[in-house]
Amino acid sequence: MNTKAHQFYHIHLISDGTGQTLDTVARAAMACYKNHDPIQHIYALVRTAKQLDAVFEKVEQEPGIVLFTMTDPHLRHRLEKHCAKLSIPSVSILDPVISSLQTYLNTKSEPVIGGQYDLNTQYFRRMDALNYTLIHDDGQHLSDIAAADIILIGISRTSKTPTSIYLANRGMKVANIPLVVEIGIPKELENLDHPMIVGLVASTDRIAQIRRNRLDTLKEHKESTYVDRRAITEEIKFMRSLCARNNWPVIDVTRKSIVETAASILNLYSDLVES
């Protein structure tokens, strides 16, 4: 057993945009050091010298590695110079990618502050997908379900809704349908050709635990088949059998994060589109 004490460190994320890119990269990197606990400091929309000076004060108070995405060359130079003065590392996380693209495309980059958030076609596609997905959550509005890109089906507490929302943010129109053994699947799912249907399952113990926690949150403590392990096992068997009969792929989400589940679904979708 690892008894090494956890150590704390400061990490400063400085961006002239929303900071979302920095946060994603930082989380992935920090996860590699389980015995070190980060204290994150996020500074978004830093676009003036005055704003940067305010950031300097906080970095000096609690020194730590600096990750940044800065488009303005003068602000960037000031930031790198100040970090060097404090003897703390500073890393522009987009530099390697931009440099590689510049070499590959044989053209100079033209940075635009917040350019990844421009109101372009992809942005409106994501908004349209998110709107569709919210409307078609939990088996609602099945009349136009054929317009979906992906349909998720699963018994209660298999992460259908959060996975749907994540996929919507990737531009996918998703409908999710709860499977109730006594009712079966909606007739609208029969003879569908376009949307890819994916079944989500989890272990009996995992589903029972989540359902029990939900009942505790709702202050409902009566016993029912909802948390009965034998009943849950039968639900899972029914779900797997249903997917096998219809040739629908099944993903076990027991040990998967929402991001990992979504990635698996996107891979399936990509294979389907390319086939």
C-alpha atoms as a PDB file:
ATOM      1  CA  MET A   1       0.000   0.000   0.000  1.00  0.00           C
ATOM      2  CA  ASN A   2       1.260   3.459  -0.887  1.00  0.00           C
ATOM      3  CA  THR A   3       1.550   5.503   2.286  1.00  0.00           C
ATOM      4  CA  LYS A   4       3.321   8.467   0.760  1.00  0.00           C
ATOM      5  CA  ALA A   5       1.796  11.695   2.024  1.00  0.00           C
ATOM      6  CA  HIS A   6       0.084  13.912  -0.507  1.00  0.00           C
ATOM      7  CA  GLN A   7       1.839  17.156  -1.364  1.00  0.00           C
ATOM      8  CA  PHE A   8       0.145  20.352  -2.437  1.00  0.00           C
ATOM      9  CA  TYR A   9       1.289  22.639  -5.242  1.00  0.00           C
ATOM     10  CA  HIS A  10      -0.029  25.707  -6.999  1.00  0.00           C
ATOM     11  CA  ILE A  11      -0.761  25.837 -10.716  1.00  0.00           C
ATOM     12  CA  HIS A  12      -1.774  29.055 -12.473  1.00  0.00           C
ATOM     13  CA  LEU A  13      -3.828  28.934 -15.679  1.00  0.00           C
ATOM     14  CA  ILE A  14      -3.758  32.240 -17.576  1.00  0.00           C
ATOM     15  CA  SER A  15      -5.819  32.762 -20.711  1.00  0.00           C
ATOM     16  CA  ASP A  16      -7.002  35.586 -22.919  1.00  0.00           C
ATOM     17  CA  GLY A  17     -10.050  33.416 -23.654  1.00  0.00           C
ATOM     18  CA  THR A  18     -12.415  31.450 -21.444  1.00  0.00           C
ATOM     19  CA  GLY A  19      -9.672  29.189 -20.085  1.00  0.00           C
ATOM     20  CA  GLN A  20     -11.536  26.034 -21.077  1.00  0.00           C
ATOM     21  CA  THR A  21      -8.675  24.682 -23.187  1.00  0.00           C
ATOM     22  CA  LEU A  22      -6.173  25.284 -20.401  1.00  0.00           C
ATOM     23  CA  ASP A  23      -8.406  23.631 -17.830  1.00  0.00           C
ATOM     24  CA  THR A  24      -8.811  20.507 -19.954  1.00  0.00           C
ATOM     25  CA  VAL A  25      -5.086  20.140 -20.593  1.00  0.00           C
ATOM     26  CA  ALA A  26      -4.194  20.879 -16.974  1.00  0.00           C
ATOM     27  CA  ARG A  27      -6.625  18.289 -15.632  1.00  0.00           C
ATOM     28  CA  ALA A  28      -5.201  15.623 -17.929  1.00  0.00           C
ATOM     29  CA  ALA A  29      -1.641  16.455 -16.864  1.00  0.00           C
ATOM     30  CA  MET A  30      -2.391  16.737 -13.149  1.00  0.00           C
ATOM     31  CA  ALA A  31      -4.078  13.324 -13.148  1.00  0.00           C
ATOM     32  CA  CYS A  32      -0.647  11.787 -13.784  1.00  0.00           C
ATOM     33  CA  TYR A  33       0.547  12.784 -10.285  1.00  0.00           C
ATOM     34  CA  LYS A  34      -1.774  11.102  -7.821  1.00  0.00           C
ATOM     35  CA  ASN A  35       0.342  11.862  -4.754  1.00  0.00           C
ATOM     36  CA  HIS A  36       0.342  15.588  -5.465  1.00  0.00           C
ATOM     37  CA  ASP A  37      -2.772  17.686  -4.973  1.00  0.00           C
ATOM     38  CA  PRO A  38      -3.052  20.806  -7.154  1.00  0.00           C
ATOM     39  CA  ILE A  39      -4.434  24.141  -6.045  1.00  0.00           C
ATOM     40  CA  GLN A  40      -5.682  25.679  -9.273  1.00  0.00           C
ATOM     41  CA  HIS A  41      -5.830  29.390  -9.968  1.00  0.00           C
ATOM     42  CA  ILE A  42      -7.691  30.281 -13.173  1.00  0.00           C
ATOM     43  CA  TYR A  43      -7.481  33.710 -14.781  1.00  0.00           C
ATOM     44  CA  ALA A  44      -9.730  34.068 -17.835  1.00  0.00           C
ATOM     45  CA  LEU A  45     -10.110  36.915 -20.338  1.00  0.00           C
ATOM     46  CA  VAL A  46      -6.739  38.457 -19.462  1.00  0.00           C
ATOM     47  CA  ARG A  47      -6.346  40.919 -22.330  1.00  0.00           C
ATOM     48  CA  THR A  48      -4.776  44.083 -20.900  1.00  0.00           C
ATOM     49  CA  ALA A  49      -1.542  44.975 -19.124  1.00  0.00           C
ATOM     50  CA  LYS A  50      -3.518  46.009 -16.039  1.00  0.00           C
ATOM     51  CA  GLN A  51      -5.257  42.638 -15.874  1.00  0.00           C
ATOM     52  CA  LEU A  52      -1.926  40.864 -16.271  1.00  0.00           C
ATOM     53  CA  ASP A  53      -0.391  42.934 -13.456  1.00  0.00           C
ATOM     54  CA  ALA A  54      -3.189  41.745 -11.161  1.00  0.00           C
ATOM     55  CA  VAL A  55      -2.355  38.168 -12.114  1.00  0.00           C
ATOM     56  CA  PHE A  56       1.342  38.770 -11.342  1.00  0.00           C
ATOM     57  CA  GLU A  57       0.456  39.754  -7.784  1.00  0.00           C
ATOM     58  CA  LYS A  58      -1.384  36.497  -7.185  1.00  0.00           C
ATOM     59  CA  VAL A  59       1.357  34.393  -8.762  1.00  0.00           C
ATOM     60  CA  GLU A  60       3.928  36.074  -6.516  1.00  0.00           C
ATOM     61  CA  GLN A  61       1.803  35.381  -3.428  1.00  0.00           C
ATOM     62  CA  GLU A  62       1.455  31.680  -4.243  1.00  0.00           C
ATOM     63  CA  PRO A  63       4.222  30.670  -6.679  1.00  0.00           C
ATOM     64  CA  GLY A  64       3.640  27.696  -8.922  1.00  0.00           C
ATOM     65  CA  ILE A  65       3.883  26.513 -12.512  1.00  0.00           C
ATOM     66  CA  VAL A  66       2.169  28.760 -15.057  1.00  0.00           C
ATOM     67  CA  LEU A  67       0.295  27.399 -18.066  1.00  0.00           C
ATOM     68  CA  PHE A  68      -1.017  29.943 -20.520  1.00  0.00           C
ATOM     69  CA  THR A  69      -2.669  30.692 -23.844  1.00  0.00           C
ATOM     70  CA  MET A  70      -1.890  34.282 -24.791  1.00  0.00           C
ATOM     71  CA  THR A  71      -2.265  35.667 -28.309  1.00  0.00           C
ATOM     72  CA  ASP A  72      -0.952  39.211 -27.783  1.00  0.00           C
ATOM     73  CA  PRO A  73       2.867  38.995 -28.211  1.00  0.00           C
ATOM     74  CA  HIS A  74       3.544  41.919 -25.831  1.00  0.00           C
ATOM     75  CA  LEU A  75       1.480  40.432 -22.992  1.00  0.00           C
ATOM     76  CA  ARG A  76       3.020  37.046 -23.604  1.00  0.00           C
ATOM     77  CA  HIS A  77       6.546  38.488 -23.467  1.00  0.00           C
ATOM     78  CA  ARG A  78       5.749  40.263 -20.192  1.00  0.00           C
ATOM     79  CA  LEU A  79       4.351  37.049 -18.727  1.00  0.00           C
ATOM     80  CA  GLU A  80       7.328  34.917 -19.710  1.00  0.00           C
ATOM     81  CA  LYS A  81       9.770  37.560 -18.493  1.00  0.00           C
ATOM     82  CA  HIS A  82       8.013  37.878 -15.135  1.00  0.00           C
ATOM     83  CA  CYS A  83       7.947  34.104 -14.623  1.00  0.00           C
ATOM     84  CA  ALA A  84      11.658  33.898 -15.429  1.00  0.00           C
ATOM     85  CA  LYS A  85      12.304  36.615 -12.863  1.00  0.00           C
ATOM     86  CA  LEU A  86      10.441  34.551 -10.248  1.00  0.00           C
ATOM     87  CA  SER A  87      12.266  31.378 -11.351  1.00  0.00           C
ATOM     88  CA  ILE A  88       9.015  29.528 -12.028  1.00  0.00           C
ATOM     89  CA  PRO A  89       8.269  27.584 -15.224  1.00  0.00           C
ATOM     90  CA  SER A  90       5.823  28.970 -17.774  1.00  0.00           C
ATOM     91  CA  VAL A  91       4.414  26.919 -20.636  1.00  0.00           C
ATOM     92  CA  SER A  92       2.411  28.032 -23.660  1.00  0.00           C
ATOM     93  CA  ILE A  93       0.407  24.866 -24.203  1.00  0.00           C
ATOM     94  CA  LEU A  94      -0.586  25.564 -27.819  1.00  0.00           C
ATOM     95  CA  ASP A  95       2.908  26.339 -29.121  1.00  0.00           C
ATOM     96  CA  PRO A  96       3.874  22.772 -30.165  1.00  0.00           C
ATOM     97  CA  VAL A  97       0.618  22.285 -32.089  1.00  0.00           C
ATOM     98  CA  ILE A  98       0.732  25.707 -33.760  1.00  0.00           C
ATOM     99  CA  SER A  99       4.380  25.180 -34.700  1.00  0.00           C
ATOM    100  CA  SER A 100       3.661  21.775 -36.227  1.00  0.00           C
ATOM    101  CA  LEU A 101       0.718  23.136 -38.198  1.00  0.00           C
ATOM    102  CA  GLN A 102       2.804  26.062 -39.412  1.00  0.00           C
ATOM    103  CA  THR A 103       5.475  23.693 -40.703  1.00  0.00           C
ATOM    104  CA  TYR A 104       2.985  21.282 -42.247  1.00  0.00           C
ATOM    105  CA  LEU A 105       0.879  23.984 -43.925  1.00  0.00           C
ATOM    106  CA  ASN A 106       3.943  26.040 -44.847  1.00  0.00           C
ATOM    107  CA  THR A 107       2.256  29.260 -43.794  1.00  0.00           C
ATOM    108  CA  LYS A 108       2.469  31.671 -40.911  1.00  0.00           C
ATOM    109  CA  SER A 109      -0.141  31.420 -38.186  1.00  0.00           C
ATOM    110  CA  GLU A 110      -2.550  34.301 -37.633  1.00  0.00           C
ATOM    111  CA  PRO A 111      -3.712  34.028 -33.999  1.00  0.00           C
ATOM    112  CA  VAL A 112      -7.139  35.394 -33.100  1.00  0.00           C
ATOM    113  CA  ILE A 113      -8.119  35.924 -29.466  1.00  0.00           C
ATOM    114  CA  GLY A 114     -10.952  33.534 -28.660  1.00  0.00           C
ATOM    115  CA  GLY A 115     -11.031  32.416 -32.275  1.00  0.00           C
ATOM    116  CA  GLN A 116     -12.153  28.910 -31.331  1.00  0.00           C
ATOM    117  CA  TYR A 117     -15.397  30.389 -30.003  1.00  0.00           C
ATOM    118  CA  ASP A 118     -16.381  32.294 -33.161  1.00  0.00           C
ATOM    119  CA  LEU A 119     -20.053  31.968 -34.125  1.00  0.00           C
ATOM    120  CA  ASN A 120     -19.323  29.679 -37.053  1.00  0.00           C
ATOM    121  CA  THR A 121     -21.179  26.715 -38.509  1.00  0.00           C
ATOM    122  CA  GLN A 122     -19.777  24.320 -35.925  1.00  0.00           C
ATOM    123  CA  TYR A 123     -20.936  26.564 -33.081  1.00  0.00           C
ATOM    124  CA  PHE A 124     -24.508  26.650 -34.353  1.00  0.00           C
ATOM    125  CA  ARG A 125     -24.429  22.900 -34.972  1.00  0.00           C
ATOM    126  CA  ARG A 126     -23.515  22.350 -31.309  1.00  0.00           C
ATOM    127  CA  MET A 127     -26.287  24.654 -30.139  1.00  0.00           C
ATOM    128  CA  ASP A 128     -28.800  22.885 -32.385  1.00  0.00           C
ATOM    129  CA  ALA A 129     -27.615  19.502 -31.112  1.00  0.00           C
ATOM    130  CA  LEU A 130     -27.835  20.611 -27.495  1.00  0.00           C
ATOM    131  CA  ASN A 131     -31.365  21.917 -27.979  1.00  0.00           C
ATOM    132  CA  TYR A 132     -32.448  18.672 -29.665  1.00  0.00           C
ATOM    133  CA  THR A 133     -30.841  16.551 -26.962  1.00  0.00           C
ATOM    134  CA  LEU A 134     -32.473  18.434 -24.080  1.00  0.00           C
ATOM    135  CA  ILE A 135     -35.898  18.129 -25.712  1.00  0.00           C
ATOM    136  CA  HIS A 136     -35.416  14.393 -26.305  1.00  0.00           C
ATOM    137  CA  ASP A 137     -34.146  13.502 -22.839  1.00  0.00           C
ATOM    138  CA  ASP A 138     -35.615  10.536 -20.959  1.00  0.00           C
ATOM    139  CA  GLY A 139     -37.808   9.253 -23.786  1.00  0.00           C
ATOM    140  CA  GLN A 140     -39.578  12.508 -24.574  1.00  0.00           C
ATOM    141  CA  HIS A 141     -40.872  13.625 -28.000  1.00  0.00           C
ATOM    142  CA  LEU A 142     -40.316  10.341 -29.806  1.00  0.00           C
ATOM    143  CA  SER A 143     -42.283  11.434 -32.873  1.00  0.00           C
ATOM    144  CA  ASP A 144     -39.167  12.879 -34.563  1.00  0.00           C
ATOM    145  CA  ILE A 145     -36.585  10.550 -33.064  1.00  0.00           C
ATOM    146  CA  ALA A 146     -35.421   9.598 -36.569  1.00  0.00           C
ATOM    147  CA  ALA A 147     -33.755  13.025 -36.736  1.00  0.00           C
ATOM    148  CA  ALA A 148     -31.260  11.977 -34.060  1.00  0.00           C
ATOM    149  CA  ASP A 149     -27.681  11.043 -34.872  1.00  0.00           C
ATOM    150  CA  ILE A 150     -27.463   8.705 -31.892  1.00  0.00           C
ATOM    151  CA  ILE A 151     -30.028   7.059 -29.627  1.00  0.00           C
ATOM    152  CA  LEU A 152     -28.965   5.817 -26.206  1.00  0.00           C
ATOM    153  CA  ILE A 153     -31.068   3.192 -24.478  1.00  0.00           C
ATOM    154  CA  GLY A 154     -30.572   1.683 -21.047  1.00  0.00           C
ATOM    155  CA  ILE A 155     -32.197   0.871 -17.722  1.00  0.00           C
ATOM    156  CA  SER A 156     -32.365   3.496 -15.018  1.00  0.00           C
ATOM    157  CA  ARG A 157     -29.049   4.921 -13.701  1.00  0.00           C
ATOM    158  CA  THR A 158     -26.764   4.038 -16.605  1.00  0.00           C
ATOM    159  CA  SER A 159     -25.622   7.644 -17.247  1.00  0.00           C
ATOM    160  CA  LYS A 160     -27.784   8.184 -20.323  1.00  0.00           C
ATOM    161  CA  THR A 161     -28.526  11.869 -19.744  1.00  0.00           C
ATOM    162  CA  PRO A 162     -25.019  13.155 -18.892  1.00  0.00           C
ATOM    163  CA  THR A 163     -23.549  11.138 -21.754  1.00  0.00           C
ATOM    164  CA  SER A 164     -26.142  12.616 -24.110  1.00  0.00           C
ATOM    165  CA  ILE A 165     -25.314  16.158 -23.015  1.00  0.00           C
ATOM    166  CA  TYR A 166     -21.593  15.570 -23.493  1.00  0.00           C
ATOM    167  CA  LEU A 167     -22.175  14.197 -26.992  1.00  0.00           C
ATOM    168  CA  ALA A 168     -24.421  17.167 -27.805  1.00  0.00           C
ATOM    169  CA  ASN A 169     -21.536  19.471 -26.953  1.00  0.00           C
ATOM    170  CA  ARG A 170     -19.599  17.573 -29.603  1.00  0.00           C
ATOM    171  CA  GLY A 171     -22.300  18.414 -32.135  1.00  0.00           C
ATOM    172  CA  MET A 172     -24.289  15.172 -32.015  1.00  0.00           C
ATOM    173  CA  LYS A 173     -28.088  15.119 -31.819  1.00  0.00           C
ATOM    174  CA  VAL A 174     -28.847  12.525 -29.151  1.00  0.00           C
ATOM    175  CA  ALA A 175     -32.068  11.060 -27.828  1.00  0.00           C
ATOM    176  CA  ASN A 176     -32.007   8.836 -24.764  1.00  0.00           C
ATOM    177  CA  ILE A 177     -34.669   6.318 -23.836  1.00  0.00           C
ATOM    178  CA  PRO A 178     -35.132   4.580 -20.473  1.00  0.00           C
ATOM    179  CA  LEU A 179     -35.762   0.855 -20.791  1.00  0.00           C
ATOM    180  CA  VAL A 180     -38.526  -0.495 -18.568  1.00  0.00           C
ATOM    181  CA  VAL A 181     -38.802  -4.281 -18.723  1.00  0.00           C
ATOM    182  CA  GLU A 182     -42.575  -4.323 -18.202  1.00  0.00           C
ATOM    183  CA  ILE A 183     -43.116  -1.859 -21.040  1.00  0.00           C
ATOM    184  CA  GLY A 184     -40.406  -2.802 -23.518  1.00  0.00           C
ATOM    185  CA  ILE A 185     -39.089  -0.505 -26.230  1.00  0.00           C
ATOM    186  CA  PRO A 186     -41.198   2.251 -27.820  1.00  0.00           C
ATOM    187  CA  LYS A 187     -42.701   1.397 -31.204  1.00  0.00           C
ATOM    188  CA  GLU A 188     -40.841   4.416 -32.628  1.00  0.00           C
ATOM    189  CA  LEU A 189     -37.582   2.442 -32.393  1.00  0.00           C
ATOM    190  CA  GLU A 190     -38.822  -0.223 -34.760  1.00  0.00           C
ATOM    191  CA  ASN A 191     -37.485  -0.126 -38.318  1.00  0.00           C
ATOM    192  CA  LEU A 192     -35.221   2.867 -37.710  1.00  0.00           C
ATOM    193  CA  ASP A 193     -32.369   3.036 -40.222  1.00  0.00           C
ATOM    194  CA  HIS A 194     -30.594   6.345 -39.663  1.00  0.00           C
ATOM    195  CA  PRO A 195     -29.834   6.905 -35.964  1.00  0.00           C
ATOM    196  CA  MET A 196     -27.228   4.647 -34.395  1.00  0.00           C
ATOM    197  CA  ILE A 197     -28.736   2.951 -31.343  1.00  0.00           C
ATOM    198  CA  VAL A 198     -26.374   2.110 -28.474  1.00  0.00           C
ATOM    199  CA  GLY A 199     -27.231   0.231 -25.303  1.00  0.00           C
ATOM    200  CA  LEU A 200     -25.676   1.305 -21.981  1.00  0.00           C
ATOM    201  CA  VAL A 201     -25.298  -1.177 -19.139  1.00  0.00           C
ATOM    202  CA  ALA A 202     -23.504  -1.356 -15.802  1.00  0.00           C
ATOM    203  CA  SER A 203     -22.914  -3.970 -13.122  1.00  0.00           C
ATOM    204  CA  THR A 204     -25.693  -4.930 -10.745  1.00  0.00           C
ATOM    205  CA  ASP A 205     -23.755  -3.609  -7.745  1.00  0.00           C
ATOM    206  CA  ARG A 206     -23.046  -0.277  -9.414  1.00  0.00           C
ATOM    207  CA  ILE A 207     -26.663   0.325 -10.438  1.00  0.00           C
ATOM    208  CA  ALA A 208     -27.971  -0.763  -7.037  1.00  0.00           C
ATOM    209  CA  GLN A 209     -25.587   1.631  -5.298  1.00  0.00           C
ATOM    210  CA  ILE A 210     -26.549   4.603  -7.469  1.00  0.00           C
ATOM    211  CA  ARG A 211     -30.251   3.874  -7.130  1.00  0.00           C
ATOM    212  CA  ARG A 212     -29.967   3.558  -3.350  1.00  0.00           C
ATOM    213  CA  ASN A 213     -28.133   6.877  -3.187  1.00  0.00           C
ATOM    214  CA  ARG A 214     -30.867   8.462  -5.285  1.00  0.00           C
ATOM    215  CA  LEU A 215     -33.588   7.165  -2.966  1.00  0.00           C
ATOM    216  CA  ASP A 216     -31.639   8.457   0.039  1.00  0.00           C
ATOM    217  CA  THR A 217     -31.385  11.875  -1.610  1.00  0.00           C
ATOM    218  CA  LEU A 218     -35.130  11.860  -2.238  1.00  0.00           C
ATOM    219  CA  LYS A 219     -35.650  10.605   1.346  1.00  0.00           C
ATOM    220  CA  GLU A 220     -37.439   7.522   0.084  1.00  0.00           C
ATOM    221  CA  HIS A 221     -36.352   4.532   2.145  1.00  0.00           C
ATOM    222  CA  LYS A 222     -38.969   1.925   1.322  1.00  0.00           C
ATOM    223  CA  GLU A 223     -37.684  -1.284  -0.238  1.00  0.00           C
ATOM    224  CA  SER A 224     -38.706  -1.983  -3.816  1.00  0.00           C
ATOM    225  CA  THR A 225     -37.567  -3.835  -6.916  1.00  0.00           C
ATOM    226  CA  TYR A 226     -35.886  -0.563  -7.917  1.00  0.00           C
ATOM    227  CA  VAL A 227     -32.939  -1.403  -5.652  1.00  0.00           C
ATOM    228  CA  ASP A 228     -33.363  -5.179  -5.481  1.00  0.00           C
ATOM    229  CA  ARG A 229     -30.229  -6.800  -6.880  1.00  0.00           C
ATOM    230  CA  ARG A 230     -32.014  -9.799  -8.358  1.00  0.00           C
ATOM    231  CA  ALA A 231     -34.489  -7.544 -10.128  1.00  0.00           C
ATOM    232  CA  ILE A 232     -31.678  -5.339 -11.412  1.00  0.00           C
ATOM    233  CA  THR A 233     -29.823  -8.400 -12.720  1.00  0.00           C
ATOM    234  CA  GLU A 234     -32.939  -9.394 -14.673  1.00  0.00           C
ATOM    235  CA  GLU A 235     -33.197  -5.867 -16.092  1.00  0.00           C
ATOM    236  CA  ILE A 236     -29.599  -6.074 -17.293  1.00  0.00           C
ATOM    237  CA  LYS A 237     -30.169  -9.501 -18.860  1.00  0.00           C
ATOM    238  CA  PHE A 238     -33.245  -8.181 -20.652  1.00  0.00           C
ATOM    239  CA  MET A 239     -31.270  -5.181 -21.872  1.00  0.00           C
ATOM    240  CA  ARG A 240     -28.396  -7.262 -23.238  1.00  0.00           C
ATOM    241  CA  SER A 241     -30.797  -9.707 -24.880  1.00  0.00           C
ATOM    242  CA  LEU A 242     -32.713  -6.858 -26.513  1.00  0.00           C
ATOM    243  CA  CYS A 243     -29.535  -5.331 -27.942  1.00  0.00           C
ATOM    244  CA  ALA A 244     -28.312  -8.716 -29.175  1.00  0.00           C
ATOM    245  CA  ARG A 245     -31.605  -9.360 -31.016  1.00  0.00           C
ATOM    246  CA  ASN A 246     -31.450  -5.967 -32.701  1.00  0.00           C
ATOM    247  CA  ASN A 247     -27.699  -5.998 -33.318  1.00  0.00           C
ATOM    248  CA  TRP A 248     -27.226  -2.841 -31.242  1.00  0.00           C
ATOM    249  CA  PRO A 249     -23.755  -2.305 -29.734  1.00  0.00           C
ATOM    250  CA  VAL A 250     -23.543  -2.366 -25.929  1.00  0.00           C
ATOM    251  CA  ILE A 251     -21.180  -0.335 -23.751  1.00  0.00           C
ATOM    252  CA  ASP A 252     -20.564  -1.246 -20.113  1.00  0.00           C
ATOM    253  CA  VAL A 253     -20.240   2.044 -18.215  1.00  0.00           C
ATOM    254  CA  THR A 254     -19.427   0.504 -14.814  1.00  0.00           C
ATOM    255  CA  ARG A 255     -15.842   1.723 -14.752  1.00  0.00           C
ATOM    256  CA  LYS A 256     -16.055   4.384 -17.422  1.00  0.00           C
ATOM    257  CA  SER A 257     -16.253   8.131 -16.985  1.00  0.00           C
ATOM    258  CA  ILE A 258     -18.780  10.076 -19.050  1.00  0.00           C
ATOM    259  CA  VAL A 259     -15.954  11.235 -21.318  1.00  0.00           C
ATOM    260  CA  GLU A 260     -14.731   7.668 -21.881  1.00  0.00           C
ATOM    261  CA  THR A 261     -18.240   6.427 -22.617  1.00  0.00           C
ATOM    262  CA  ALA A 262     -18.810   9.266 -25.078  1.00  0.00           C
ATOM    263  CA  ALA A 263     -15.483   8.555 -26.773  1.00  0.00           C
ATOM    264  CA  SER A 264     -16.468   4.900 -27.262  1.00  0.00           C
ATOM    265  CA  ILE A 265     -19.800   5.970 -28.758  1.00  0.00           C
ATOM    266  CA  LEU A 266     -18.129   8.449 -31.110  1.00  0.00           C
ATOM    267  CA  ASN A 267     -15.762   5.714 -32.277  1.00  0.00           C
ATOM    268  CA  LEU A 268     -18.739   3.462 -33.036  1.00  0.00           C
ATOM    269  CA  TYR A 269     -20.460   6.313 -34.869  1.00  0.00           C
ATOM    270  CA  SER A 270     -17.344   7.085 -36.910  1.00  0.00           C
ATOM    271  CA  ASP A 271     -17.033   3.414 -37.924  1.00  0.00           C
ATOM    272  CA  LEU A 272     -20.712   3.391 -38.927  1.00  0.00           C
ATOM    273  CA  VAL A 273     -20.404   6.536 -41.039  1.00  0.00           C
ATOM    274  CA  GLU A 274     -17.272   5.277 -42.781  1.00  0.00           C
ATOM    275  CA  SER A 275     -18.681   1.829 -43.500  1.00  0.00           C
END
